[in-house]
Amino acid sequence: MVQRREPTARQMRLGIELRRLREAAGLTAVEAAALLGANRVQMSHIESGLVGVSEERVRRLASHYACTDKKFIDALVAMATDRTRGWWEEYRGLLPTSFLDLSELNHHATFRRDVAILYVPGLLQTEDYARAVFSARVPELTDDELELRVRHRLAGQKISVPYELVIHESALRIRVSDRSASQAQLARLLELSEADNITVRAIPYDLDGFATAASTMTYVGGLVPKLDTVVRDVPHGSAFIDSEAQLGAFRTRFRKVEAASLDPERSRDFIDRLTKEL
């Protein structure tokens, strides 16, 4: 197999899940490699996402690892055999890898949930809002870099799966640009909230019970719950979180935040009032 120079987050996730299965079975990398007629280095490359792995090998490993979760195995096979070259690939080498990994994650998502504290999430941003957000980056972006990021953001705004957003009043009120841009952004948010697959809930400043959402969160559903992913902003870009314990904690956190928010209808009324106040 040809070794990849830079595996995507999805390719690395497949390798991570295969390693987790191996470790749960109590096998070493050398023992697992022998099952495939490979060596330790080749096994390391598979588990690092540096080389691909066939459906037959995924199923053989799952069998030797005594994994009986058919849906999970089928999901791993789907990841291993996917040859999608998505729209985001045209930006490879031009944008940070985390941008492309998130685009790929969204493309394969079965659902998405966001908690937003300071900004409207990228999936819902208007062009002017997105440009203002990127213009505030430090160090400053060149004009070409700025336009590239705006173009990439707008290209990735197709929401075809269930999407839930809980957004704090601070994110709705902060003017990343000027008054007209903020009003247009809230109007866009109201428009999108009417879609059957999009649910928007707001948390006003004076609403009780918000302590469980001290930071932003993006929760992306996989083919099975074990393959869900949480994305958090970090100083160097984005962190992808995928351990079962952490995923469970973030599921609980989202439901608590959701329970503390206004219902969708009252949220629309609240956002509409803010639009008129700006």
C-alpha atoms as a PDB file:
ATOM      1  CA  MET A   1       0.000   0.000   0.000  1.00  0.00           C
ATOM      2  CA  VAL A   2       1.186   3.552  -0.769  1.00  0.00           C
ATOM      3  CA  GLN A   3       2.005   5.431   2.405  1.00  0.00           C
ATOM      4  CA  ARG A   4       0.085   8.665   2.910  1.00  0.00           C
ATOM      5  CA  ARG A   5       2.059  11.804   3.631  1.00  0.00           C
ATOM      6  CA  GLU A   6      -0.708  13.368   5.704  1.00  0.00           C
ATOM      7  CA  PRO A   7      -3.661  11.161   6.668  1.00  0.00           C
ATOM      8  CA  THR A   8      -6.961  12.918   7.297  1.00  0.00           C
ATOM      9  CA  ALA A   9      -8.642  12.893  10.704  1.00  0.00           C
ATOM     10  CA  ARG A  10     -11.122  10.325   9.362  1.00  0.00           C
ATOM     11  CA  GLN A  11      -8.336   8.013   8.192  1.00  0.00           C
ATOM     12  CA  MET A  12      -6.561   8.358  11.533  1.00  0.00           C
ATOM     13  CA  ARG A  13      -9.830   7.663  13.374  1.00  0.00           C
ATOM     14  CA  LEU A  14     -10.188   4.331  11.575  1.00  0.00           C
ATOM     15  CA  GLY A  15      -6.687   3.381  12.683  1.00  0.00           C
ATOM     16  CA  ILE A  16      -7.405   4.480  16.250  1.00  0.00           C
ATOM     17  CA  GLU A  17     -10.544   2.338  16.418  1.00  0.00           C
ATOM     18  CA  LEU A  18      -8.660  -0.702  15.090  1.00  0.00           C
ATOM     19  CA  ARG A  19      -5.972  -0.158  17.704  1.00  0.00           C
ATOM     20  CA  ARG A  20      -8.583   0.139  20.449  1.00  0.00           C
ATOM     21  CA  LEU A  21     -10.131  -3.156  19.357  1.00  0.00           C
ATOM     22  CA  ARG A  22      -6.706  -4.814  19.369  1.00  0.00           C
ATOM     23  CA  GLU A  23      -5.856  -3.527  22.822  1.00  0.00           C
ATOM     24  CA  ALA A  24      -9.255  -4.591  24.175  1.00  0.00           C
ATOM     25  CA  ALA A  25      -8.516  -8.080  22.834  1.00  0.00           C
ATOM     26  CA  GLY A  26      -5.178  -8.096  24.676  1.00  0.00           C
ATOM     27  CA  LEU A  27      -3.061  -8.533  21.539  1.00  0.00           C
ATOM     28  CA  THR A  28       0.227  -6.833  20.707  1.00  0.00           C
ATOM     29  CA  ALA A  29       0.845  -5.100  17.387  1.00  0.00           C
ATOM     30  CA  VAL A  30       3.205  -7.943  16.438  1.00  0.00           C
ATOM     31  CA  GLU A  31       0.525 -10.579  17.142  1.00  0.00           C
ATOM     32  CA  ALA A  32      -2.094  -8.643  15.189  1.00  0.00           C
ATOM     33  CA  ALA A  33       0.277  -8.157  12.259  1.00  0.00           C
ATOM     34  CA  ALA A  34       0.856 -11.914  12.098  1.00  0.00           C
ATOM     35  CA  LEU A  35      -2.885 -12.418  11.625  1.00  0.00           C
ATOM     36  CA  LEU A  36      -2.627 -10.372   8.409  1.00  0.00           C
ATOM     37  CA  GLY A  37       0.666 -11.805   7.248  1.00  0.00           C
ATOM     38  CA  ALA A  38       2.206  -8.410   7.872  1.00  0.00           C
ATOM     39  CA  ASN A  39       4.923  -7.052  10.147  1.00  0.00           C
ATOM     40  CA  ARG A  40       4.871  -4.705  13.116  1.00  0.00           C
ATOM     41  CA  VAL A  41       5.754  -1.623  11.034  1.00  0.00           C
ATOM     42  CA  GLN A  42       2.920  -2.302   8.591  1.00  0.00           C
ATOM     43  CA  MET A  43       0.512  -2.751  11.492  1.00  0.00           C
ATOM     44  CA  SER A  44       1.698   0.513  12.996  1.00  0.00           C
ATOM     45  CA  HIS A  45       1.038   2.265   9.690  1.00  0.00           C
ATOM     46  CA  ILE A  46      -2.497   0.847   9.534  1.00  0.00           C
ATOM     47  CA  GLU A  47      -3.231   1.963  13.082  1.00  0.00           C
ATOM     48  CA  SER A  48      -1.801   5.433  12.361  1.00  0.00           C
ATOM     49  CA  GLY A  49      -3.882   5.912   9.220  1.00  0.00           C
ATOM     50  CA  LEU A  50      -0.712   6.126   7.142  1.00  0.00           C
ATOM     51  CA  VAL A  51      -1.875   3.333   4.828  1.00  0.00           C
ATOM     52  CA  GLY A  52      -5.299   2.102   3.828  1.00  0.00           C
ATOM     53  CA  VAL A  53      -6.828  -1.195   4.849  1.00  0.00           C
ATOM     54  CA  SER A  54      -9.202  -3.391   2.846  1.00  0.00           C
ATOM     55  CA  GLU A  55     -12.675  -4.530   3.863  1.00  0.00           C
ATOM     56  CA  GLU A  56     -11.415  -8.106   4.102  1.00  0.00           C
ATOM     57  CA  ARG A  57      -8.649  -7.094   6.502  1.00  0.00           C
ATOM     58  CA  VAL A  58     -10.966  -4.992   8.668  1.00  0.00           C
ATOM     59  CA  ARG A  59     -13.390  -7.892   9.016  1.00  0.00           C
ATOM     60  CA  ARG A  60     -10.587 -10.394   9.648  1.00  0.00           C
ATOM     61  CA  LEU A  61      -9.127  -8.219  12.394  1.00  0.00           C
ATOM     62  CA  ALA A  62     -12.554  -7.657  13.965  1.00  0.00           C
ATOM     63  CA  SER A  63     -13.110 -11.411  14.018  1.00  0.00           C
ATOM     64  CA  HIS A  64      -9.745 -12.108  15.656  1.00  0.00           C
ATOM     65  CA  TYR A  65     -10.408  -9.309  18.128  1.00  0.00           C
ATOM     66  CA  ALA A  66     -13.716 -10.997  19.046  1.00  0.00           C
ATOM     67  CA  CYS A  67     -15.726  -7.892  18.134  1.00  0.00           C
ATOM     68  CA  THR A  68     -19.361  -8.917  17.661  1.00  0.00           C
ATOM     69  CA  ASP A  69     -20.859  -5.447  17.101  1.00  0.00           C
ATOM     70  CA  LYS A  70     -21.951  -5.850  13.475  1.00  0.00           C
ATOM     71  CA  LYS A  71     -23.068  -2.230  13.032  1.00  0.00           C
ATOM     72  CA  PHE A  72     -19.754  -0.974  14.349  1.00  0.00           C
ATOM     73  CA  ILE A  73     -17.772  -3.315  12.087  1.00  0.00           C
ATOM     74  CA  ASP A  74     -19.853  -2.281   9.070  1.00  0.00           C
ATOM     75  CA  ALA A  75     -19.194   1.369   9.953  1.00  0.00           C
ATOM     76  CA  LEU A  76     -15.441   0.716  10.094  1.00  0.00           C
ATOM     77  CA  VAL A  77     -15.648  -1.019   6.720  1.00  0.00           C
ATOM     78  CA  ALA A  78     -17.474   2.000   5.302  1.00  0.00           C
ATOM     79  CA  MET A  79     -14.660   4.244   6.556  1.00  0.00           C
ATOM     80  CA  ALA A  80     -12.002   1.919   5.136  1.00  0.00           C
ATOM     81  CA  THR A  81     -13.554   1.609   1.676  1.00  0.00           C
ATOM     82  CA  ASP A  82     -14.728   5.193   1.204  1.00  0.00           C
ATOM     83  CA  ARG A  83     -12.954   6.828  -1.725  1.00  0.00           C
ATOM     84  CA  THR A  84     -14.746  10.159  -1.603  1.00  0.00           C
ATOM     85  CA  ARG A  85     -12.734  13.058  -2.920  1.00  0.00           C
ATOM     86  CA  GLY A  86     -14.815  15.858  -1.506  1.00  0.00           C
ATOM     87  CA  TRP A  87     -15.108  19.494  -2.508  1.00  0.00           C
ATOM     88  CA  TRP A  88     -12.719  20.426   0.315  1.00  0.00           C
ATOM     89  CA  GLU A  89      -9.786  18.715  -1.409  1.00  0.00           C
ATOM     90  CA  GLU A  90      -9.310  21.717  -3.695  1.00  0.00           C
ATOM     91  CA  TYR A  91      -8.181  23.623  -0.589  1.00  0.00           C
ATOM     92  CA  ARG A  92      -5.555  21.065   0.485  1.00  0.00           C
ATOM     93  CA  GLY A  93      -2.207  22.777   0.823  1.00  0.00           C
ATOM     94  CA  LEU A  94      -3.947  26.155   0.878  1.00  0.00           C
ATOM     95  CA  LEU A  95      -5.752  26.033   4.234  1.00  0.00           C
ATOM     96  CA  PRO A  96      -4.826  24.504   7.607  1.00  0.00           C
ATOM     97  CA  THR A  97      -5.555  20.768   7.731  1.00  0.00           C
ATOM     98  CA  SER A  98      -8.077  21.231  10.558  1.00  0.00           C
ATOM     99  CA  PHE A  99     -10.362  23.159   8.172  1.00  0.00           C
ATOM    100  CA  LEU A 100     -10.393  20.238   5.741  1.00  0.00           C
ATOM    101  CA  ASP A 101     -10.806  17.614   8.474  1.00  0.00           C
ATOM    102  CA  LEU A 102     -13.878  19.413   9.812  1.00  0.00           C
ATOM    103  CA  SER A 103     -15.331  19.662   6.301  1.00  0.00           C
ATOM    104  CA  GLU A 104     -14.822  15.930   5.811  1.00  0.00           C
ATOM    105  CA  LEU A 105     -16.341  15.226   9.219  1.00  0.00           C
ATOM    106  CA  ASN A 106     -19.421  17.295   8.349  1.00  0.00           C
ATOM    107  CA  HIS A 107     -19.751  15.553   4.982  1.00  0.00           C
ATOM    108  CA  HIS A 108     -20.038  12.142   6.655  1.00  0.00           C
ATOM    109  CA  ALA A 109     -22.093  13.315   9.645  1.00  0.00           C
ATOM    110  CA  THR A 110     -25.417  11.735  10.561  1.00  0.00           C
ATOM    111  CA  PHE A 111     -26.285  14.730  12.751  1.00  0.00           C
ATOM    112  CA  ARG A 112     -24.603  17.776  14.277  1.00  0.00           C
ATOM    113  CA  ARG A 113     -25.062  19.724  17.508  1.00  0.00           C
ATOM    114  CA  ASP A 114     -23.443  23.041  18.406  1.00  0.00           C
ATOM    115  CA  VAL A 115     -23.202  25.118  21.570  1.00  0.00           C
ATOM    116  CA  ALA A 116     -22.183  28.676  20.677  1.00  0.00           C
ATOM    117  CA  ILE A 117     -21.108  31.315  23.206  1.00  0.00           C
ATOM    118  CA  LEU A 118     -19.283  34.076  21.317  1.00  0.00           C
ATOM    119  CA  TYR A 119     -19.961  33.567  17.603  1.00  0.00           C
ATOM    120  CA  VAL A 120     -22.657  32.226  15.333  1.00  0.00           C
ATOM    121  CA  PRO A 121     -21.339  28.819  14.110  1.00  0.00           C
ATOM    122  CA  GLY A 122     -19.657  28.724  10.725  1.00  0.00           C
ATOM    123  CA  LEU A 123     -22.410  26.567   9.200  1.00  0.00           C
ATOM    124  CA  LEU A 124     -24.866  29.440   9.605  1.00  0.00           C
ATOM    125  CA  GLN A 125     -22.711  32.502   8.984  1.00  0.00           C
ATOM    126  CA  THR A 126     -23.427  35.063   6.300  1.00  0.00           C
ATOM    127  CA  GLU A 127     -20.574  36.066   4.017  1.00  0.00           C
ATOM    128  CA  ASP A 128     -20.111  39.433   5.747  1.00  0.00           C
ATOM    129  CA  TYR A 129     -20.132  37.832   9.191  1.00  0.00           C
ATOM    130  CA  ALA A 130     -17.616  35.171   8.168  1.00  0.00           C
ATOM    131  CA  ARG A 131     -15.328  37.774   6.637  1.00  0.00           C
ATOM    132  CA  ALA A 132     -15.461  39.848   9.838  1.00  0.00           C
ATOM    133  CA  VAL A 133     -14.640  36.809  11.987  1.00  0.00           C
ATOM    134  CA  PHE A 134     -11.635  35.876   9.866  1.00  0.00           C
ATOM    135  CA  SER A 135     -10.502  39.514   9.672  1.00  0.00           C
ATOM    136  CA  ALA A 136     -10.102  39.516  13.447  1.00  0.00           C
ATOM    137  CA  ARG A 137      -7.544  36.696  13.359  1.00  0.00           C
ATOM    138  CA  VAL A 138      -4.110  37.256  14.879  1.00  0.00           C
ATOM    139  CA  PRO A 139      -1.716  37.214  13.129  1.00  0.00           C
ATOM    140  CA  GLU A 140      -3.572  39.043  10.405  1.00  0.00           C
ATOM    141  CA  LEU A 141      -4.462  37.162   7.255  1.00  0.00           C
ATOM    142  CA  THR A 142      -3.471  38.447   3.830  1.00  0.00           C
ATOM    143  CA  ASP A 143      -6.308  39.438   1.507  1.00  0.00           C
ATOM    144  CA  ASP A 144      -5.873  36.207  -0.461  1.00  0.00           C
ATOM    145  CA  GLU A 145      -5.890  34.065   2.696  1.00  0.00           C
ATOM    146  CA  LEU A 146      -8.976  35.868   3.960  1.00  0.00           C
ATOM    147  CA  GLU A 147     -10.924  35.356   0.749  1.00  0.00           C
ATOM    148  CA  LEU A 148      -9.855  31.702   0.601  1.00  0.00           C
ATOM    149  CA  ARG A 149     -11.205  31.032   4.092  1.00  0.00           C
ATOM    150  CA  VAL A 150     -14.458  32.853   3.408  1.00  0.00           C
ATOM    151  CA  ARG A 151     -14.945  30.912   0.171  1.00  0.00           C
ATOM    152  CA  HIS A 152     -14.245  27.606   1.941  1.00  0.00           C
ATOM    153  CA  ARG A 153     -16.687  28.454   4.742  1.00  0.00           C
ATOM    154  CA  LEU A 154     -19.528  29.315   2.395  1.00  0.00           C
ATOM    155  CA  ALA A 155     -18.909  26.195   0.305  1.00  0.00           C
ATOM    156  CA  GLY A 156     -19.379  23.990   3.372  1.00  0.00           C
ATOM    157  CA  GLN A 157     -22.765  25.350   4.457  1.00  0.00           C
ATOM    158  CA  LYS A 158     -24.947  22.531   3.176  1.00  0.00           C
ATOM    159  CA  ILE A 159     -26.987  21.165   6.101  1.00  0.00           C
ATOM    160  CA  SER A 160     -28.769  17.990   5.043  1.00  0.00           C
ATOM    161  CA  VAL A 161     -28.778  16.170   8.397  1.00  0.00           C
ATOM    162  CA  PRO A 162     -30.504  17.006  11.697  1.00  0.00           C
ATOM    163  CA  TYR A 163     -28.804  20.050  13.192  1.00  0.00           C
ATOM    164  CA  GLU A 164     -29.322  21.432  16.689  1.00  0.00           C
ATOM    165  CA  LEU A 165     -27.876  24.733  17.867  1.00  0.00           C
ATOM    166  CA  VAL A 166     -27.950  26.191  21.352  1.00  0.00           C
ATOM    167  CA  ILE A 167     -26.707  29.769  21.180  1.00  0.00           C
ATOM    168  CA  HIS A 168     -26.124  32.220  24.004  1.00  0.00           C
ATOM    169  CA  GLU A 169     -27.339  35.812  23.895  1.00  0.00           C
ATOM    170  CA  SER A 170     -23.739  37.027  23.914  1.00  0.00           C
ATOM    171  CA  ALA A 171     -23.118  35.366  20.517  1.00  0.00           C
ATOM    172  CA  LEU A 172     -26.282  36.977  19.184  1.00  0.00           C
ATOM    173  CA  ARG A 173     -25.410  40.461  20.436  1.00  0.00           C
ATOM    174  CA  ILE A 174     -21.668  40.707  19.737  1.00  0.00           C
ATOM    175  CA  ARG A 175     -21.103  42.806  16.629  1.00  0.00           C
ATOM    176  CA  VAL A 176     -18.240  41.174  14.803  1.00  0.00           C
ATOM    177  CA  SER A 177     -18.657  43.852  12.137  1.00  0.00           C
ATOM    178  CA  ASP A 178     -21.293  46.593  12.050  1.00  0.00           C
ATOM    179  CA  ARG A 179     -24.987  46.934  12.866  1.00  0.00           C
ATOM    180  CA  SER A 180     -26.292  46.006   9.417  1.00  0.00           C
ATOM    181  CA  ALA A 181     -24.083  42.890   9.247  1.00  0.00           C
ATOM    182  CA  SER A 182     -25.336  41.777  12.670  1.00  0.00           C
ATOM    183  CA  GLN A 183     -28.959  42.310  11.693  1.00  0.00           C
ATOM    184  CA  ALA A 184     -28.451  40.367   8.466  1.00  0.00           C
ATOM    185  CA  GLN A 185     -26.829  37.534  10.429  1.00  0.00           C
ATOM    186  CA  LEU A 186     -29.730  37.286  12.878  1.00  0.00           C
ATOM    187  CA  ALA A 187     -32.194  37.406   9.986  1.00  0.00           C
ATOM    188  CA  ARG A 188     -30.301  34.517   8.367  1.00  0.00           C
ATOM    189  CA  LEU A 189     -30.424  32.600  11.639  1.00  0.00           C
ATOM    190  CA  LEU A 190     -34.189  33.094  11.852  1.00  0.00           C
ATOM    191  CA  GLU A 191     -34.646  31.994   8.248  1.00  0.00           C
ATOM    192  CA  LEU A 192     -32.620  28.816   8.707  1.00  0.00           C
ATOM    193  CA  SER A 193     -34.367  27.970  11.980  1.00  0.00           C
ATOM    194  CA  GLU A 194     -37.559  27.399   9.996  1.00  0.00           C
ATOM    195  CA  ALA A 195     -36.040  24.417   8.163  1.00  0.00           C
ATOM    196  CA  ASP A 196     -37.398  21.018   9.182  1.00  0.00           C
ATOM    197  CA  ASN A 197     -33.939  19.645  10.032  1.00  0.00           C
ATOM    198  CA  ILE A 198     -32.626  22.695  11.917  1.00  0.00           C
ATOM    199  CA  THR A 199     -33.445  23.496  15.542  1.00  0.00           C
ATOM    200  CA  VAL A 200     -32.223  26.716  17.129  1.00  0.00           C
ATOM    201  CA  ARG A 201     -32.504  27.346  20.868  1.00  0.00           C
ATOM    202  CA  ALA A 202     -31.399  30.550  22.581  1.00  0.00           C
ATOM    203  CA  ILE A 203     -30.180  31.199  26.093  1.00  0.00           C
ATOM    204  CA  PRO A 204     -30.811  34.784  27.267  1.00  0.00           C
ATOM    205  CA  TYR A 205     -28.528  36.339  29.863  1.00  0.00           C
ATOM    206  CA  ASP A 206     -31.251  36.188  32.504  1.00  0.00           C
ATOM    207  CA  LEU A 207     -32.067  32.498  32.049  1.00  0.00           C
ATOM    208  CA  ASP A 208     -31.082  30.221  34.936  1.00  0.00           C
ATOM    209  CA  GLY A 209     -29.121  26.966  34.699  1.00  0.00           C
ATOM    210  CA  PHE A 210     -26.478  27.790  32.102  1.00  0.00           C
ATOM    211  CA  ALA A 211     -23.373  26.881  34.127  1.00  0.00           C
ATOM    212  CA  THR A 212     -22.916  23.573  32.284  1.00  0.00           C
ATOM    213  CA  ALA A 213     -21.984  25.332  29.016  1.00  0.00           C
ATOM    214  CA  ALA A 214     -18.890  27.326  29.840  1.00  0.00           C
ATOM    215  CA  SER A 215     -17.427  26.887  26.362  1.00  0.00           C
ATOM    216  CA  THR A 216     -18.315  26.155  22.768  1.00  0.00           C
ATOM    217  CA  MET A 217     -18.827  22.629  21.503  1.00  0.00           C
ATOM    218  CA  THR A 218     -19.441  20.935  18.175  1.00  0.00           C
ATOM    219  CA  TYR A 219     -20.765  17.379  18.408  1.00  0.00           C
ATOM    220  CA  VAL A 220     -20.821  15.419  15.142  1.00  0.00           C
ATOM    221  CA  GLY A 221     -22.659  12.107  14.840  1.00  0.00           C
ATOM    222  CA  GLY A 222     -20.990   9.115  13.194  1.00  0.00           C
ATOM    223  CA  LEU A 223     -22.565   6.046  11.604  1.00  0.00           C
ATOM    224  CA  VAL A 224     -22.747   4.556  15.118  1.00  0.00           C
ATOM    225  CA  PRO A 225     -22.420   6.355  18.482  1.00  0.00           C
ATOM    226  CA  LYS A 226     -18.913   4.942  19.020  1.00  0.00           C
ATOM    227  CA  LEU A 227     -17.794   6.927  15.973  1.00  0.00           C
ATOM    228  CA  ASP A 228     -19.178  10.277  17.111  1.00  0.00           C
ATOM    229  CA  THR A 229     -16.695  13.155  17.393  1.00  0.00           C
ATOM    230  CA  VAL A 230     -16.520  16.327  19.464  1.00  0.00           C
ATOM    231  CA  VAL A 231     -14.619  19.282  18.037  1.00  0.00           C
ATOM    232  CA  ARG A 232     -13.245  21.963  20.359  1.00  0.00           C
ATOM    233  CA  ASP A 233     -11.358  25.131  19.455  1.00  0.00           C
ATOM    234  CA  VAL A 234      -7.780  25.220  20.748  1.00  0.00           C
ATOM    235  CA  PRO A 235      -5.010  27.817  20.224  1.00  0.00           C
ATOM    236  CA  HIS A 236      -3.444  25.895  17.309  1.00  0.00           C
ATOM    237  CA  GLY A 237      -6.727  25.082  15.537  1.00  0.00           C
ATOM    238  CA  SER A 238      -9.230  22.362  16.415  1.00  0.00           C
ATOM    239  CA  ALA A 239      -9.051  19.340  18.712  1.00  0.00           C
ATOM    240  CA  PHE A 240     -10.965  16.178  17.748  1.00  0.00           C
ATOM    241  CA  ILE A 241     -12.203  14.224  20.771  1.00  0.00           C
ATOM    242  CA  ASP A 242     -13.380  10.632  20.329  1.00  0.00           C
ATOM    243  CA  SER A 243     -12.951   8.542  23.491  1.00  0.00           C
ATOM    244  CA  GLU A 244     -16.173   6.882  24.635  1.00  0.00           C
ATOM    245  CA  ALA A 245     -15.954   8.372  28.139  1.00  0.00           C
ATOM    246  CA  GLN A 246     -15.532  11.915  26.823  1.00  0.00           C
ATOM    247  CA  LEU A 247     -18.240  11.491  24.202  1.00  0.00           C
ATOM    248  CA  GLY A 248     -20.635  10.382  26.920  1.00  0.00           C
ATOM    249  CA  ALA A 249     -19.756  13.429  29.013  1.00  0.00           C
ATOM    250  CA  PHE A 250     -20.345  15.791  26.086  1.00  0.00           C
ATOM    251  CA  ARG A 251     -23.684  14.151  25.262  1.00  0.00           C
ATOM    252  CA  THR A 252     -24.770  14.793  28.827  1.00  0.00           C
ATOM    253  CA  ARG A 253     -23.446  18.350  28.719  1.00  0.00           C
ATOM    254  CA  PHE A 254     -25.364  19.140  25.538  1.00  0.00           C
ATOM    255  CA  ARG A 255     -28.629  17.800  26.924  1.00  0.00           C
ATOM    256  CA  LYS A 256     -28.194  19.883  30.081  1.00  0.00           C
ATOM    257  CA  VAL A 257     -27.553  23.009  28.037  1.00  0.00           C
ATOM    258  CA  GLU A 258     -30.522  22.192  25.821  1.00  0.00           C
ATOM    259  CA  ALA A 259     -32.739  21.782  28.878  1.00  0.00           C
ATOM    260  CA  ALA A 260     -31.651  25.209  30.143  1.00  0.00           C
ATOM    261  CA  SER A 261     -32.511  26.968  26.867  1.00  0.00           C
ATOM    262  CA  LEU A 262     -35.702  28.462  25.469  1.00  0.00           C
ATOM    263  CA  ASP A 263     -37.808  26.218  23.264  1.00  0.00           C
ATOM    264  CA  PRO A 264     -37.493  26.796  19.483  1.00  0.00           C
ATOM    265  CA  GLU A 265     -40.566  29.012  19.167  1.00  0.00           C
ATOM    266  CA  ARG A 266     -39.624  31.267  22.086  1.00  0.00           C
ATOM    267  CA  SER A 267     -36.061  31.324  20.771  1.00  0.00           C
ATOM    268  CA  ARG A 268     -37.224  32.653  17.408  1.00  0.00           C
ATOM    269  CA  ASP A 269     -39.248  35.350  19.178  1.00  0.00           C
ATOM    270  CA  PHE A 270     -36.213  36.242  21.281  1.00  0.00           C
ATOM    271  CA  ILE A 271     -33.880  36.475  18.257  1.00  0.00           C
ATOM    272  CA  ASP A 272     -36.476  38.519  16.382  1.00  0.00           C
ATOM    273  CA  ARG A 273     -36.609  41.021  19.268  1.00  0.00           C
ATOM    274  CA  LEU A 274     -32.821  41.272  19.332  1.00  0.00           C
ATOM    275  CA  THR A 275     -32.779  41.933  15.585  1.00  0.00           C
ATOM    276  CA  LYS A 276     -35.059  44.909  16.089  1.00  0.00           C
ATOM    277  CA  GLU A 277     -33.035  46.174  19.061  1.00  0.00           C
ATOM    278  CA  LEU A 278     -29.699  46.244  17.230  1.00  0.00           C
END
